[in-house]
Protein backbone atom coordinates (compact mmCIF):
# COMPACT_ATOMS: atom_id res chain seq x y z
CA MET A 1 -10.97 -87.40 -60.90
CA ASN A 2 -11.50 -89.33 -64.12
CA LEU A 3 -11.01 -88.02 -67.66
CA ALA A 4 -14.70 -87.15 -68.19
CA GLU A 5 -14.79 -85.10 -64.97
CA PHE A 6 -11.55 -83.36 -65.94
CA ARG A 7 -13.02 -82.49 -69.37
CA LYS A 8 -16.10 -80.98 -67.71
CA LEU A 9 -13.87 -78.95 -65.44
CA LEU A 10 -11.94 -77.63 -68.45
CA LEU A 11 -15.21 -76.64 -70.14
CA VAL A 12 -16.11 -74.48 -67.14
CA ILE A 13 -12.90 -72.42 -67.37
CA PRO A 14 -14.05 -70.05 -70.17
CA SER A 15 -17.32 -69.21 -68.40
CA SER A 16 -15.43 -68.81 -65.12
CA VAL A 17 -13.09 -66.26 -66.73
CA ILE A 18 -16.12 -64.40 -68.08
CA PHE A 19 -18.12 -64.36 -64.84
CA PHE A 20 -15.32 -64.08 -62.28
CA LEU A 21 -13.00 -61.71 -64.16
CA ILE A 22 -14.47 -59.98 -67.21
CA VAL A 23 -17.95 -59.15 -65.83
CA PRO A 24 -16.58 -57.68 -62.58
CA VAL A 25 -13.93 -55.60 -64.40
CA VAL A 26 -16.46 -54.32 -66.95
CA SER A 27 -18.91 -53.64 -64.09
CA ILE A 28 -16.33 -51.54 -62.28
CA LEU A 29 -15.32 -49.58 -65.38
CA PHE A 30 -18.88 -49.07 -66.62
CA GLY A 31 -20.33 -48.46 -63.15
CA GLU A 32 -17.83 -45.77 -62.23
CA LYS A 33 -18.46 -43.95 -65.53
CA LEU A 34 -22.21 -44.30 -65.02
CA ASP A 35 -21.93 -42.79 -61.53
CA VAL A 36 -20.16 -39.76 -63.02
CA LEU A 37 -22.65 -39.50 -65.89
CA LEU A 38 -25.60 -39.65 -63.48
CA GLY A 39 -23.93 -37.30 -60.98
CA LEU A 40 -24.02 -39.87 -58.18
CA SER A 41 -21.82 -39.23 -55.17
CA PRO A 42 -19.75 -42.17 -53.93
CA MET A 43 -21.38 -44.38 -51.33
CA LYS A 44 -20.25 -43.96 -47.77
CA PRO A 45 -20.75 -47.52 -46.55
CA GLY A 46 -18.80 -47.21 -43.30
CA THR A 47 -18.23 -50.22 -41.09
CA VAL A 48 -21.81 -51.51 -41.33
CA GLY A 49 -21.81 -51.23 -45.13
CA THR A 50 -18.46 -52.94 -45.40
CA ALA A 51 -19.69 -55.74 -43.13
CA LEU A 52 -22.81 -56.02 -45.30
CA ALA A 53 -20.63 -56.29 -48.42
CA VAL A 54 -18.62 -59.11 -46.82
CA ILE A 55 -21.80 -60.95 -45.80
CA LEU A 56 -23.29 -60.56 -49.29
CA LEU A 57 -20.05 -61.80 -50.85
CA VAL A 58 -19.88 -64.85 -48.58
CA VAL A 59 -23.55 -65.77 -49.01
CA GLY A 60 -23.48 -65.06 -52.75
CA GLY A 61 -20.25 -66.97 -53.20
CA TYR A 62 -21.75 -69.94 -51.36
CA TYR A 63 -24.79 -70.01 -53.65
CA VAL A 64 -22.64 -69.76 -56.80
CA LEU A 65 -20.09 -72.39 -55.79
CA GLU A 66 -22.60 -74.79 -54.25
CA SER A 67 -24.82 -74.65 -57.33
CA ILE A 68 -21.82 -75.43 -59.55
CA ARG A 69 -20.77 -78.30 -57.27
CA ILE A 70 -24.26 -79.79 -57.33
CA LEU A 71 -24.51 -79.51 -61.13
CA PHE A 72 -21.24 -81.45 -61.41
CA THR A 73 -21.84 -84.09 -58.77
CA GLU A 74 -25.59 -84.68 -58.74
CA GLY A 75 -26.69 -83.32 -62.11
CA LYS A 76 -23.76 -84.93 -63.94
CA GLY A 77 -23.39 -81.82 -66.12
CA ILE A 78 -21.94 -78.33 -66.18
CA PRO A 79 -23.29 -74.80 -65.75
CA LEU A 80 -24.66 -73.48 -69.05
CA GLY A 81 -24.83 -77.07 -70.27
CA ASP A 82 -27.57 -76.06 -72.68
CA ILE A 83 -24.85 -74.36 -74.74
CA ILE A 84 -22.92 -77.65 -74.98
CA PRO A 85 -25.68 -80.27 -75.31
CA GLU A 86 -23.48 -83.28 -74.51
CA GLU A 87 -22.63 -81.65 -71.15
CA GLN A 88 -26.21 -80.94 -70.03
CA THR A 89 -27.26 -82.24 -66.66
CA THR A 90 -28.79 -85.70 -66.84
CA GLU A 91 -30.55 -85.45 -63.50
CA LEU A 92 -33.15 -82.88 -62.45
CA ILE A 93 -31.88 -81.34 -59.23
CA THR A 94 -34.64 -80.28 -56.83
CA THR A 95 -33.00 -80.61 -53.42
CA GLY A 96 -30.54 -78.58 -51.36
CA ILE A 97 -30.21 -74.99 -52.55
CA TYR A 98 -32.17 -75.94 -55.68
CA SER A 99 -35.20 -76.47 -53.43
CA GLN A 100 -34.90 -72.84 -52.30
CA THR A 101 -34.64 -71.28 -55.77
CA ARG A 102 -34.53 -72.58 -59.33
CA ASN A 103 -31.60 -70.26 -60.06
CA PRO A 104 -29.23 -70.27 -57.08
CA MET A 105 -26.22 -69.43 -59.25
CA LEU A 106 -27.86 -66.25 -60.56
CA PHE A 107 -29.09 -65.32 -57.08
CA GLY A 108 -25.60 -65.73 -55.63
CA TYR A 109 -23.96 -63.86 -58.47
CA ILE A 110 -26.32 -60.90 -58.00
CA LEU A 111 -25.38 -60.77 -54.31
CA CYS A 112 -21.69 -60.76 -55.30
CA LEU A 113 -22.26 -57.89 -57.75
CA ILE A 114 -24.04 -55.88 -55.05
CA ALA A 115 -21.15 -56.60 -52.65
CA LEU A 116 -18.69 -55.42 -55.31
CA GLY A 117 -20.67 -52.20 -55.71
CA ILE A 118 -20.65 -51.52 -51.97
CA TYR A 119 -16.93 -52.27 -51.79
CA MET A 120 -16.26 -49.94 -54.75
CA LYS A 121 -18.58 -47.32 -53.18
CA SER A 122 -20.55 -47.16 -56.43
CA TRP A 123 -24.32 -46.85 -56.58
CA SER A 124 -24.33 -47.95 -60.21
CA ILE A 125 -22.30 -51.10 -59.54
CA ALA A 126 -24.41 -51.95 -56.48
CA LEU A 127 -27.85 -51.27 -57.96
CA ILE A 128 -28.01 -50.57 -61.70
CA ILE A 129 -25.62 -53.24 -62.98
CA PRO A 130 -27.15 -56.09 -60.91
CA THR A 131 -30.60 -55.00 -62.13
CA LEU A 132 -29.45 -55.05 -65.77
CA PHE A 133 -27.64 -58.37 -65.26
CA THR A 134 -30.77 -59.87 -63.70
CA ALA A 135 -32.96 -58.64 -66.56
CA ILE A 136 -30.64 -60.06 -69.23
CA TRP A 137 -30.28 -63.43 -67.51
CA THR A 138 -33.99 -63.67 -66.76
CA ILE A 139 -34.71 -63.31 -70.47
CA TRP A 140 -32.12 -66.00 -71.28
CA LEU A 141 -33.49 -68.36 -68.64
CA LYS A 142 -37.13 -67.88 -69.62
CA VAL A 143 -36.55 -68.07 -73.39
CA HIS A 144 -33.84 -70.76 -73.55
CA GLU A 145 -33.11 -72.66 -70.37
CA GLU A 146 -36.56 -73.25 -68.91
CA PRO A 147 -38.08 -74.57 -72.17
CA ALA A 148 -35.03 -76.84 -72.60
CA LEU A 149 -35.42 -78.19 -69.06
CA GLU A 150 -39.12 -78.79 -69.63
CA ALA A 151 -38.38 -80.65 -72.87
CA ARG A 152 -35.71 -82.79 -71.15
CA PHE A 153 -37.43 -83.55 -67.86
CA GLY A 154 -41.16 -83.07 -68.63
CA ALA A 155 -43.70 -83.27 -65.81
CA PRO A 156 -41.13 -83.48 -62.97
CA TYR A 157 -39.63 -80.18 -64.12
CA ARG A 158 -43.06 -78.52 -64.45
CA GLU A 159 -43.92 -79.60 -60.91
CA TYR A 160 -40.58 -78.30 -59.62
CA ARG A 161 -41.00 -75.02 -61.55
CA ASP A 162 -44.51 -74.52 -60.18
CA LYS A 163 -43.52 -75.00 -56.53
CA THR A 164 -40.03 -73.43 -56.42
CA PRO A 165 -39.33 -69.68 -56.60
CA PHE A 166 -37.58 -68.46 -59.75
CA LEU A 167 -34.91 -66.34 -58.04
CA ILE A 168 -35.44 -65.21 -54.44
CA PRO A 169 -34.86 -68.25 -52.21
CA ARG A 170 -37.38 -69.46 -49.73
CA SER A 171 -36.06 -70.04 -46.24
CA HIS A 172 -36.14 -73.84 -46.07
CA THR A 173 -34.42 -76.53 -48.09
CA THR A 174 -35.27 -80.07 -49.04
CA LYS A 175 -32.56 -82.51 -48.08
CA PRO A 176 -31.03 -84.65 -50.85
């Protein structure tokens, strides 16, 4: 790993703390209080529900980690690179999981939040918080990220945007 790659890795640490520690902790605290406020009984996931939570966590984790890996290695940038312009991706990525969905990191993260909700036996964590998270990030992506990608990559991005689902992956991938 060279110095530039190490610097990029260091830049990812603050967002990793936010998304892998702070958001889950806040989701648990807020979700449990919301369940009480709404009078929701705890989930009773049983063995099947627990297995579903594990599957969602594994699949979601794959999408999150693979999208980060691809941004580093193929895109030559970092997640949320539009916040740090000098670390934006320099290559438009349209293959692999990015051929299934334009936002594999968000898709995977939503699956992880749902898994957390099932594990915590909380309807609010499993359903309400992922819905709110999706709404907030969709606004960010539509207002900030997509226009920035279109400005950087032009027609190739518009073609990719027009043929690739925004969030829910299609079942086949394009090989790199």
